Amino acid sequence: MENKGRKATIIQIICNTFLFAIKITAGIMSNSLAIISDAINSLTDIISSVIIFFAVKASSKQADEGHPFGHHRAEPIAGLIVAIFAGILGFEILHTSVFKLMETHVHKIGTPAIVTLLISIGMKLIMSGYFKKVSRKINSPALMASSIDSRNDVYISTTALIGVICGLYGYAYMDDIAAILISFWIIYSGYKIGVQNIDYLMGRQPEPGIMAEIKRKAASVSGVIGIHDVRAHYVGNYIHVEIHVSLDQHLTMTQAHDIGKNVQRAVEAIESIHKAFVHIDPI
């Protein structure tokens, strides 16, 4: 699992570095604020990728004396940092774009600028699908944040492309308007990523479908008469569960213990459940 996550983040760093290099070159050559804004977005992606790389590495560490339940909160923290970067970047681009819109400037749009944005759109589409697939396999919110960010980058580059093409036909102000739209996309994506990862850090209850599956798995264990007081919350990107099970009071301590362990194993077999704590109530 760790190797898949680290491989994905290394690929992310390489791809974003390549995209930043070609975008900043095309942006400077064409004097296009939309392309330069997109390049700055790629620079932020590089920084985010490095943060996520170390977060994935940290979250995969085994539990130790100082962290008895593991290091799973590392990834949501990384996701939150990514969100903050996105927000700061978005507001900075918005500020610059609004002032640029009031100025008169000439764009030197050419084929390289358009080709650069088309390459960016294609690469980001592939990256978004790849990160989404890996994040689901290893239950990584940081990589899921990268998938969402890559998907939003497709919209950003498409918006920049429209602005560049309009500038090519004499509507130079459209490039600045495209940059303003890009800033809103970045701010919104940062907000969405931030909210999701704050939920992970604050111990939000899992989705209703997961809660229903926990109850179903526990109730299906042989010897369980009933279940109640089922509580679950996120610890980083994994879930801890506390569940009370009702057992026959005439069972021996060993029998009750074995049933409790079976409930624990059944619940922990659910994907994304890291730990289940079972309380036995004799009836």
C-alpha atoms as a PDB file:
ATOM      1  CA  MET A   1       0.000   0.000   0.000  1.00  0.00           C
ATOM      2  CA  GLU A   2       2.775   2.420   0.975  1.00  0.00           C
ATOM      3  CA  ASN A   3       4.674   1.715  -2.268  1.00  0.00           C
ATOM      4  CA  LYS A   4       1.599   2.489  -4.386  1.00  0.00           C
ATOM      5  CA  GLY A   5       1.068   5.785  -2.586  1.00  0.00           C
ATOM      6  CA  ARG A   6       4.719   6.821  -2.851  1.00  0.00           C
ATOM      7  CA  LYS A   7       4.856   5.843  -6.522  1.00  0.00           C
ATOM      8  CA  ALA A   8       1.751   7.930  -7.237  1.00  0.00           C
ATOM      9  CA  THR A   9       3.195  11.003  -5.505  1.00  0.00           C
ATOM     10  CA  ILE A  10       6.535  10.671  -7.333  1.00  0.00           C
ATOM     11  CA  ILE A  11       4.674  10.520 -10.657  1.00  0.00           C
ATOM     12  CA  GLN A  12       2.685  13.555  -9.533  1.00  0.00           C
ATOM     13  CA  ILE A  13       5.831  15.563  -8.746  1.00  0.00           C
ATOM     14  CA  ILE A  14       7.440  14.705 -12.106  1.00  0.00           C
ATOM     15  CA  CYS A  15       4.307  15.523 -14.136  1.00  0.00           C
ATOM     16  CA  ASN A  16       3.630  18.800 -12.332  1.00  0.00           C
ATOM     17  CA  THR A  17       7.262  19.897 -12.696  1.00  0.00           C
ATOM     18  CA  PHE A  18       7.096  19.249 -16.451  1.00  0.00           C
ATOM     19  CA  LEU A  19       3.791  21.129 -16.772  1.00  0.00           C
ATOM     20  CA  PHE A  20       5.098  24.093 -14.767  1.00  0.00           C
ATOM     21  CA  ALA A  21       8.182  24.351 -16.993  1.00  0.00           C
ATOM     22  CA  ILE A  22       6.266  24.390 -20.279  1.00  0.00           C
ATOM     23  CA  LYS A  23       3.467  26.648 -18.961  1.00  0.00           C
ATOM     24  CA  ILE A  24       5.713  29.323 -17.481  1.00  0.00           C
ATOM     25  CA  THR A  25       7.753  29.377 -20.705  1.00  0.00           C
ATOM     26  CA  ALA A  26       4.634  29.698 -22.868  1.00  0.00           C
ATOM     27  CA  GLY A  27       3.128  32.272 -20.500  1.00  0.00           C
ATOM     28  CA  ILE A  28       6.172  34.546 -20.569  1.00  0.00           C
ATOM     29  CA  MET A  29       6.559  34.211 -24.344  1.00  0.00           C
ATOM     30  CA  SER A  30       2.891  35.025 -24.991  1.00  0.00           C
ATOM     31  CA  ASN A  31       2.483  37.571 -22.162  1.00  0.00           C
ATOM     32  CA  SER A  32      -0.685  35.707 -21.174  1.00  0.00           C
ATOM     33  CA  LEU A  33      -1.798  36.145 -17.571  1.00  0.00           C
ATOM     34  CA  ALA A  34      -4.121  33.143 -17.906  1.00  0.00           C
ATOM     35  CA  ILE A  35      -1.244  30.833 -18.842  1.00  0.00           C
ATOM     36  CA  ILE A  36       1.052  32.321 -16.186  1.00  0.00           C
ATOM     37  CA  SER A  37      -1.723  31.820 -13.605  1.00  0.00           C
ATOM     38  CA  ASP A  38      -2.058  28.215 -14.736  1.00  0.00           C
ATOM     39  CA  ALA A  39       1.737  27.841 -14.413  1.00  0.00           C
ATOM     40  CA  ILE A  40       1.642  29.201 -10.843  1.00  0.00           C
ATOM     41  CA  ASN A  41      -1.107  26.685 -10.130  1.00  0.00           C
ATOM     42  CA  SER A  42       1.241  23.921 -11.335  1.00  0.00           C
ATOM     43  CA  LEU A  43       3.996  25.301  -9.072  1.00  0.00           C
ATOM     44  CA  THR A  44       1.607  25.022  -6.140  1.00  0.00           C
ATOM     45  CA  ASP A  45       0.824  21.472  -7.259  1.00  0.00           C
ATOM     46  CA  ILE A  46       4.540  20.640  -7.037  1.00  0.00           C
ATOM     47  CA  ILE A  47       4.715  21.949  -3.462  1.00  0.00           C
ATOM     48  CA  SER A  48       1.516  20.066  -2.602  1.00  0.00           C
ATOM     49  CA  SER A  49       2.889  16.880  -4.169  1.00  0.00           C
ATOM     50  CA  VAL A  50       6.005  17.030  -2.008  1.00  0.00           C
ATOM     51  CA  ILE A  51       3.863  17.563   1.111  1.00  0.00           C
ATOM     52  CA  ILE A  52       1.627  14.622   0.153  1.00  0.00           C
ATOM     53  CA  PHE A  53       4.663  12.419  -0.508  1.00  0.00           C
ATOM     54  CA  PHE A  54       5.873  12.830   3.069  1.00  0.00           C
ATOM     55  CA  ALA A  55       2.318  12.560   4.430  1.00  0.00           C
ATOM     56  CA  VAL A  56       1.746   9.208   2.697  1.00  0.00           C
ATOM     57  CA  LYS A  57       5.079   8.004   4.045  1.00  0.00           C
ATOM     58  CA  ALA A  58       4.250   9.163   7.595  1.00  0.00           C
ATOM     59  CA  SER A  59       0.714   7.731   7.631  1.00  0.00           C
ATOM     60  CA  SER A  60       1.980   4.279   6.667  1.00  0.00           C
ATOM     61  CA  LYS A  61       4.175   4.005   9.784  1.00  0.00           C
ATOM     62  CA  GLN A  62       3.176   1.363  12.266  1.00  0.00           C
ATOM     63  CA  ALA A  63       1.692   2.321  15.629  1.00  0.00           C
ATOM     64  CA  ASP A  64       4.265   3.014  18.330  1.00  0.00           C
ATOM     65  CA  GLU A  65       4.333   3.940  22.001  1.00  0.00           C
ATOM     66  CA  GLY A  66       3.749   7.606  21.306  1.00  0.00           C
ATOM     67  CA  HIS A  67       1.066   6.947  18.671  1.00  0.00           C
ATOM     68  CA  PRO A  68      -0.762   3.784  19.750  1.00  0.00           C
ATOM     69  CA  PHE A  69      -3.387   4.098  16.993  1.00  0.00           C
ATOM     70  CA  GLY A  70      -0.962   4.837  14.182  1.00  0.00           C
ATOM     71  CA  HIS A  71      -0.181   7.979  12.188  1.00  0.00           C
ATOM     72  CA  HIS A  72      -3.282   8.149   9.989  1.00  0.00           C
ATOM     73  CA  ARG A  73      -3.931  11.840  10.662  1.00  0.00           C
ATOM     74  CA  ALA A  74      -0.842  12.762   8.614  1.00  0.00           C
ATOM     75  CA  GLU A  75      -2.732  12.569   5.320  1.00  0.00           C
ATOM     76  CA  PRO A  76      -5.684  14.799   6.271  1.00  0.00           C
ATOM     77  CA  ILE A  77      -3.194  17.331   7.625  1.00  0.00           C
ATOM     78  CA  ALA A  78      -1.440  17.278   4.236  1.00  0.00           C
ATOM     79  CA  GLY A  79      -4.787  17.667   2.481  1.00  0.00           C
ATOM     80  CA  LEU A  80      -5.565  20.692   4.654  1.00  0.00           C
ATOM     81  CA  ILE A  81      -2.188  22.266   3.798  1.00  0.00           C
ATOM     82  CA  VAL A  82      -2.965  21.731   0.101  1.00  0.00           C
ATOM     83  CA  ALA A  83      -6.312  23.497   0.619  1.00  0.00           C
ATOM     84  CA  ILE A  84      -4.656  26.484   2.327  1.00  0.00           C
ATOM     85  CA  PHE A  85      -2.117  26.798  -0.493  1.00  0.00           C
ATOM     86  CA  ALA A  86      -4.943  26.698  -3.039  1.00  0.00           C
ATOM     87  CA  GLY A  87      -6.858  29.444  -1.217  1.00  0.00           C
ATOM     88  CA  ILE A  88      -3.848  31.764  -0.972  1.00  0.00           C
ATOM     89  CA  LEU A  89      -2.954  31.183  -4.616  1.00  0.00           C
ATOM     90  CA  GLY A  90      -6.517  31.758  -5.798  1.00  0.00           C
ATOM     91  CA  PHE A  91      -6.857  35.108  -4.022  1.00  0.00           C
ATOM     92  CA  GLU A  92      -3.452  36.255  -5.286  1.00  0.00           C
ATOM     93  CA  ILE A  93      -4.365  35.428  -8.904  1.00  0.00           C
ATOM     94  CA  LEU A  94      -7.751  37.148  -8.464  1.00  0.00           C
ATOM     95  CA  HIS A  95      -6.056  40.289  -7.132  1.00  0.00           C
ATOM     96  CA  THR A  96      -3.543  40.389  -9.994  1.00  0.00           C
ATOM     97  CA  SER A  97      -6.156  39.629 -12.663  1.00  0.00           C
ATOM     98  CA  VAL A  98      -8.513  42.422 -11.600  1.00  0.00           C
ATOM     99  CA  PHE A  99      -5.743  45.033 -11.784  1.00  0.00           C
ATOM    100  CA  LYS A 100      -4.437  43.635 -15.075  1.00  0.00           C
ATOM    101  CA  LEU A 101      -7.922  43.908 -16.554  1.00  0.00           C
ATOM    102  CA  MET A 102      -7.717  47.676 -16.125  1.00  0.00           C
ATOM    103  CA  GLU A 103      -4.456  47.924 -18.072  1.00  0.00           C
ATOM    104  CA  THR A 104      -3.816  47.922 -21.796  1.00  0.00           C
ATOM    105  CA  HIS A 105      -1.445  45.177 -22.863  1.00  0.00           C
ATOM    106  CA  VAL A 106      -0.610  43.191 -25.956  1.00  0.00           C
ATOM    107  CA  HIS A 107      -0.513  39.412 -26.137  1.00  0.00           C
ATOM    108  CA  LYS A 108       1.817  37.526 -28.443  1.00  0.00           C
ATOM    109  CA  ILE A 109      -0.262  34.386 -28.708  1.00  0.00           C
ATOM    110  CA  GLY A 110       1.105  31.606 -30.866  1.00  0.00           C
ATOM    111  CA  THR A 111       0.756  27.910 -31.517  1.00  0.00           C
ATOM    112  CA  PRO A 112       3.146  26.917 -28.660  1.00  0.00           C
ATOM    113  CA  ALA A 113       0.809  28.498 -26.088  1.00  0.00           C
ATOM    114  CA  ILE A 114      -2.217  26.607 -27.377  1.00  0.00           C
ATOM    115  CA  VAL A 115      -0.297  23.311 -27.666  1.00  0.00           C
ATOM    116  CA  THR A 116       0.993  23.754 -24.109  1.00  0.00           C
ATOM    117  CA  LEU A 117      -2.533  24.062 -22.724  1.00  0.00           C
ATOM    118  CA  LEU A 118      -3.764  21.085 -24.751  1.00  0.00           C
ATOM    119  CA  ILE A 119      -0.898  18.980 -23.349  1.00  0.00           C
ATOM    120  CA  SER A 120      -1.819  20.155 -19.842  1.00  0.00           C
ATOM    121  CA  ILE A 121      -5.474  19.203 -20.306  1.00  0.00           C
ATOM    122  CA  GLY A 122      -4.564  15.730 -21.584  1.00  0.00           C
ATOM    123  CA  MET A 123      -2.034  15.018 -18.832  1.00  0.00           C
ATOM    124  CA  LYS A 124      -4.310  16.250 -16.055  1.00  0.00           C
ATOM    125  CA  LEU A 125      -7.183  14.080 -17.262  1.00  0.00           C
ATOM    126  CA  ILE A 126      -4.933  11.019 -17.068  1.00  0.00           C
ATOM    127  CA  MET A 127      -3.499  12.060 -13.688  1.00  0.00           C
ATOM    128  CA  SER A 128      -6.953  12.649 -12.187  1.00  0.00           C
ATOM    129  CA  GLY A 129      -8.137   9.154 -13.130  1.00  0.00           C
ATOM    130  CA  TYR A 130      -4.905   7.541 -11.932  1.00  0.00           C
ATOM    131  CA  PHE A 131      -4.885   9.267  -8.522  1.00  0.00           C
ATOM    132  CA  LYS A 132      -8.559   8.465  -8.003  1.00  0.00           C
ATOM    133  CA  LYS A 133      -7.908   4.784  -8.691  1.00  0.00           C
ATOM    134  CA  VAL A 134      -4.884   4.600  -6.363  1.00  0.00           C
ATOM    135  CA  SER A 135      -6.583   6.604  -3.592  1.00  0.00           C
ATOM    136  CA  ARG A 136      -9.481   4.164  -3.516  1.00  0.00           C
ATOM    137  CA  LYS A 137      -7.143   1.179  -3.386  1.00  0.00           C
ATOM    138  CA  ILE A 138      -5.127   2.473  -0.426  1.00  0.00           C
ATOM    139  CA  ASN A 139      -7.854   4.680   1.164  1.00  0.00           C
ATOM    140  CA  SER A 140      -5.797   7.855   0.824  1.00  0.00           C
ATOM    141  CA  PRO A 141      -7.595  11.209   1.289  1.00  0.00           C
ATOM    142  CA  ALA A 142      -4.428  13.063   0.288  1.00  0.00           C
ATOM    143  CA  LEU A 143      -4.316  11.309  -3.095  1.00  0.00           C
ATOM    144  CA  MET A 144      -8.064  11.786  -3.495  1.00  0.00           C
ATOM    145  CA  ALA A 145      -7.436  15.505  -2.928  1.00  0.00           C
ATOM    146  CA  SER A 146      -4.813  15.299  -5.689  1.00  0.00           C
ATOM    147  CA  SER A 147      -7.344  13.618  -7.983  1.00  0.00           C
ATOM    148  CA  ILE A 148      -9.866  16.409  -7.378  1.00  0.00           C
ATOM    149  CA  ASP A 149      -7.144  19.025  -7.831  1.00  0.00           C
ATOM    150  CA  SER A 150      -6.053  17.444 -11.133  1.00  0.00           C
ATOM    151  CA  ARG A 151      -9.654  17.367 -12.333  1.00  0.00           C
ATOM    152  CA  ASN A 152     -10.025  21.054 -11.478  1.00  0.00           C
ATOM    153  CA  ASP A 153      -6.765  21.748 -13.316  1.00  0.00           C
ATOM    154  CA  VAL A 154      -8.459  20.441 -16.461  1.00  0.00           C
ATOM    155  CA  TYR A 155     -11.125  23.137 -16.062  1.00  0.00           C
ATOM    156  CA  ILE A 156      -8.464  25.719 -15.288  1.00  0.00           C
ATOM    157  CA  SER A 157      -6.400  24.912 -18.395  1.00  0.00           C
ATOM    158  CA  THR A 158      -9.548  24.801 -20.535  1.00  0.00           C
ATOM    159  CA  THR A 159     -10.541  28.253 -19.260  1.00  0.00           C
ATOM    160  CA  ALA A 160      -7.028  29.527 -19.992  1.00  0.00           C
ATOM    161  CA  LEU A 161      -7.235  28.008 -23.479  1.00  0.00           C
ATOM    162  CA  ILE A 162     -10.503  29.831 -24.197  1.00  0.00           C
ATOM    163  CA  GLY A 163      -8.968  33.094 -22.976  1.00  0.00           C
ATOM    164  CA  VAL A 164      -5.879  32.581 -25.135  1.00  0.00           C
ATOM    165  CA  ILE A 165      -7.905  31.788 -28.251  1.00  0.00           C
ATOM    166  CA  CYS A 166     -10.072  34.865 -27.685  1.00  0.00           C
ATOM    167  CA  GLY A 167      -6.903  36.920 -27.281  1.00  0.00           C
ATOM    168  CA  LEU A 168      -5.664  35.494 -30.576  1.00  0.00           C
ATOM    169  CA  TYR A 169      -8.714  36.969 -32.289  1.00  0.00           C
ATOM    170  CA  GLY A 170      -8.252  40.408 -30.767  1.00  0.00           C
ATOM    171  CA  TYR A 171     -10.187  40.138 -27.510  1.00  0.00           C
ATOM    172  CA  ALA A 172      -7.201  40.621 -25.219  1.00  0.00           C
ATOM    173  CA  TYR A 173      -9.344  41.348 -22.136  1.00  0.00           C
ATOM    174  CA  MET A 174     -10.736  37.791 -22.296  1.00  0.00           C
ATOM    175  CA  ASP A 175      -7.339  36.479 -21.161  1.00  0.00           C
ATOM    176  CA  ASP A 176      -7.668  38.459 -17.909  1.00  0.00           C
ATOM    177  CA  ILE A 177     -11.270  37.363 -17.463  1.00  0.00           C
ATOM    178  CA  ALA A 178     -10.110  33.767 -17.916  1.00  0.00           C
ATOM    179  CA  ALA A 179      -7.494  34.344 -15.203  1.00  0.00           C
ATOM    180  CA  ILE A 180     -10.231  35.665 -12.866  1.00  0.00           C
ATOM    181  CA  LEU A 181     -12.353  32.560 -13.532  1.00  0.00           C
ATOM    182  CA  ILE A 182      -9.294  30.385 -12.863  1.00  0.00           C
ATOM    183  CA  SER A 183      -8.817  32.079  -9.485  1.00  0.00           C
ATOM    184  CA  PHE A 184     -12.408  31.240  -8.506  1.00  0.00           C
ATOM    185  CA  TRP A 185     -11.903  27.591  -9.528  1.00  0.00           C
ATOM    186  CA  ILE A 186      -8.771  27.363  -7.389  1.00  0.00           C
ATOM    187  CA  ILE A 187     -10.431  28.997  -4.356  1.00  0.00           C
ATOM    188  CA  TYR A 188     -13.468  26.714  -4.617  1.00  0.00           C
ATOM    189  CA  SER A 189     -11.395  23.536  -4.982  1.00  0.00           C
ATOM    190  CA  GLY A 190      -9.308  24.573  -1.956  1.00  0.00           C
ATOM    191  CA  TYR A 191     -12.493  25.073   0.039  1.00  0.00           C
ATOM    192  CA  LYS A 192     -13.862  21.634  -0.891  1.00  0.00           C
ATOM    193  CA  ILE A 193     -10.594  19.849  -0.091  1.00  0.00           C
ATOM    194  CA  GLY A 194     -10.288  21.764   3.189  1.00  0.00           C
ATOM    195  CA  VAL A 195     -13.795  20.889   4.387  1.00  0.00           C
ATOM    196  CA  GLN A 196     -13.316  17.202   3.616  1.00  0.00           C
ATOM    197  CA  ASN A 197     -10.017  16.949   5.475  1.00  0.00           C
ATOM    198  CA  ILE A 198     -11.232  18.986   8.448  1.00  0.00           C
ATOM    199  CA  ASP A 199     -13.978  16.372   8.795  1.00  0.00           C
ATOM    200  CA  TYR A 200     -11.318  13.654   8.940  1.00  0.00           C
ATOM    201  CA  LEU A 201      -9.375  15.551  11.601  1.00  0.00           C
ATOM    202  CA  MET A 202     -12.463  16.389  13.669  1.00  0.00           C
ATOM    203  CA  GLY A 203     -13.596  12.768  13.905  1.00  0.00           C
ATOM    204  CA  ARG A 204     -16.725  12.999  11.762  1.00  0.00           C
ATOM    205  CA  GLN A 205     -19.081  10.016  11.741  1.00  0.00           C
ATOM    206  CA  PRO A 206     -18.763   7.852   8.601  1.00  0.00           C
ATOM    207  CA  GLU A 207     -21.351   7.841   5.849  1.00  0.00           C
ATOM    208  CA  PRO A 208     -24.728   6.122   6.559  1.00  0.00           C
ATOM    209  CA  GLY A 209     -23.836   3.237   4.218  1.00  0.00           C
ATOM    210  CA  ILE A 210     -20.724   2.391   6.249  1.00  0.00           C
ATOM    211  CA  MET A 211     -22.659   2.627   9.530  1.00  0.00           C
ATOM    212  CA  ALA A 212     -25.310   0.255   8.170  1.00  0.00           C
ATOM    213  CA  GLU A 213     -22.631  -2.221   7.054  1.00  0.00           C
ATOM    214  CA  ILE A 214     -21.009  -2.139  10.526  1.00  0.00           C
ATOM    215  CA  LYS A 215     -24.329  -3.004  12.167  1.00  0.00           C
ATOM    216  CA  ARG A 216     -25.080  -5.724   9.621  1.00  0.00           C
ATOM    217  CA  LYS A 217     -21.681  -7.386  10.018  1.00  0.00           C
ATOM    218  CA  ALA A 218     -21.852  -7.318  13.823  1.00  0.00           C
ATOM    219  CA  ALA A 219     -25.425  -8.633  13.974  1.00  0.00           C
ATOM    220  CA  SER A 220     -24.608 -11.511  11.615  1.00  0.00           C
ATOM    221  CA  VAL A 221     -22.029 -13.050  14.000  1.00  0.00           C
ATOM    222  CA  SER A 222     -23.237 -16.296  15.544  1.00  0.00           C
ATOM    223  CA  GLY A 223     -24.261 -15.887  19.190  1.00  0.00           C
ATOM    224  CA  VAL A 224     -25.081 -12.175  18.973  1.00  0.00           C
ATOM    225  CA  ILE A 225     -28.627 -11.536  20.190  1.00  0.00           C
ATOM    226  CA  GLY A 226     -28.656  -7.807  19.533  1.00  0.00           C
ATOM    227  CA  ILE A 227     -26.503  -4.712  19.031  1.00  0.00           C
ATOM    228  CA  HIS A 228     -26.837  -1.152  20.299  1.00  0.00           C
ATOM    229  CA  ASP A 229     -24.893   2.046  20.935  1.00  0.00           C
ATOM    230  CA  VAL A 230     -22.916   1.769  17.707  1.00  0.00           C
ATOM    231  CA  ARG A 231     -20.561   4.714  17.394  1.00  0.00           C
ATOM    232  CA  ALA A 232     -17.862   5.351  14.820  1.00  0.00           C
ATOM    233  CA  HIS A 233     -15.584   8.220  13.888  1.00  0.00           C
ATOM    234  CA  TYR A 234     -12.682   8.970  11.612  1.00  0.00           C
ATOM    235  CA  VAL A 235      -9.153   8.870  13.002  1.00  0.00           C
ATOM    236  CA  GLY A 236      -7.356  10.417  10.072  1.00  0.00           C
ATOM    237  CA  ASN A 237      -8.527   8.531   7.004  1.00  0.00           C
ATOM    238  CA  TYR A 238      -9.446   5.363   8.896  1.00  0.00           C
ATOM    239  CA  ILE A 239     -12.417   4.591  11.120  1.00  0.00           C
ATOM    240  CA  HIS A 240     -12.617   3.489  14.740  1.00  0.00           C
ATOM    241  CA  VAL A 241     -15.797   1.769  15.925  1.00  0.00           C
ATOM    242  CA  GLU A 242     -17.302   1.238  19.357  1.00  0.00           C
ATOM    243  CA  ILE A 243     -20.156  -1.262  19.510  1.00  0.00           C
ATOM    244  CA  HIS A 244     -22.194  -2.927  22.265  1.00  0.00           C
ATOM    245  CA  VAL A 245     -23.415  -6.496  21.652  1.00  0.00           C
ATOM    246  CA  SER A 246     -25.992  -8.389  23.702  1.00  0.00           C
ATOM    247  CA  LEU A 247     -25.158 -12.035  24.509  1.00  0.00           C
ATOM    248  CA  ASP A 248     -26.820 -14.829  26.461  1.00  0.00           C
ATOM    249  CA  GLN A 249     -25.957 -14.343  30.145  1.00  0.00           C
ATOM    250  CA  HIS A 250     -25.520 -18.084  30.612  1.00  0.00           C
ATOM    251  CA  LEU A 251     -22.485 -18.228  28.312  1.00  0.00           C
ATOM    252  CA  THR A 252     -19.130 -18.855  29.919  1.00  0.00           C
ATOM    253  CA  MET A 253     -16.614 -16.029  29.995  1.00  0.00           C
ATOM    254  CA  THR A 254     -14.550 -17.802  27.351  1.00  0.00           C
ATOM    255  CA  GLN A 255     -17.543 -18.245  25.038  1.00  0.00           C
ATOM    256  CA  ALA A 256     -18.561 -14.598  25.424  1.00  0.00           C
ATOM    257  CA  HIS A 257     -14.983 -13.488  24.799  1.00  0.00           C
ATOM    258  CA  ASP A 258     -14.773 -15.574  21.618  1.00  0.00           C
ATOM    259  CA  ILE A 259     -18.016 -14.134  20.262  1.00  0.00           C
ATOM    260  CA  GLY A 260     -16.767 -10.635  21.035  1.00  0.00           C
ATOM    261  CA  LYS A 261     -13.548 -11.317  19.123  1.00  0.00           C
ATOM    262  CA  ASN A 262     -15.565 -12.638  16.181  1.00  0.00           C
ATOM    263  CA  VAL A 263     -17.586  -9.425  16.131  1.00  0.00           C
ATOM    264  CA  GLN A 264     -14.347  -7.431  16.215  1.00  0.00           C
ATOM    265  CA  ARG A 265     -12.876  -9.394  13.300  1.00  0.00           C
ATOM    266  CA  ALA A 266     -16.088  -9.097  11.276  1.00  0.00           C
ATOM    267  CA  VAL A 267     -16.224  -5.328  11.698  1.00  0.00           C
ATOM    268  CA  GLU A 268     -12.499  -4.798  11.104  1.00  0.00           C
ATOM    269  CA  ALA A 269     -12.801  -6.796   7.871  1.00  0.00           C
ATOM    270  CA  ILE A 270     -14.749  -3.859   6.418  1.00  0.00           C
ATOM    271  CA  GLU A 271     -12.566  -1.690   4.204  1.00  0.00           C
ATOM    272  CA  SER A 272     -11.460   1.548   5.925  1.00  0.00           C
ATOM    273  CA  ILE A 273     -12.226   0.195   9.438  1.00  0.00           C
ATOM    274  CA  HIS A 274      -8.978   0.265  11.390  1.00  0.00           C
ATOM    275  CA  LYS A 275     -10.110  -0.682  14.879  1.00  0.00           C
ATOM    276  CA  ALA A 276     -13.271  -2.031  16.497  1.00  0.00           C
ATOM    277  CA  PHE A 277     -13.910  -1.971  20.250  1.00  0.00           C
ATOM    278  CA  VAL A 278     -16.584  -4.409  21.377  1.00  0.00           C
ATOM    279  CA  HIS A 279     -18.436  -4.150  24.691  1.00  0.00           C
ATOM    280  CA  ILE A 280     -20.380  -7.243  25.839  1.00  0.00           C
ATOM    281  CA  ASP A 281     -23.741  -6.899  27.589  1.00  0.00           C
ATOM    282  CA  PRO A 282     -25.190 -10.122  29.093  1.00  0.00           C
ATOM    283  CA  ILE A 283     -28.985 -10.462  28.913  1.00  0.00           C
END
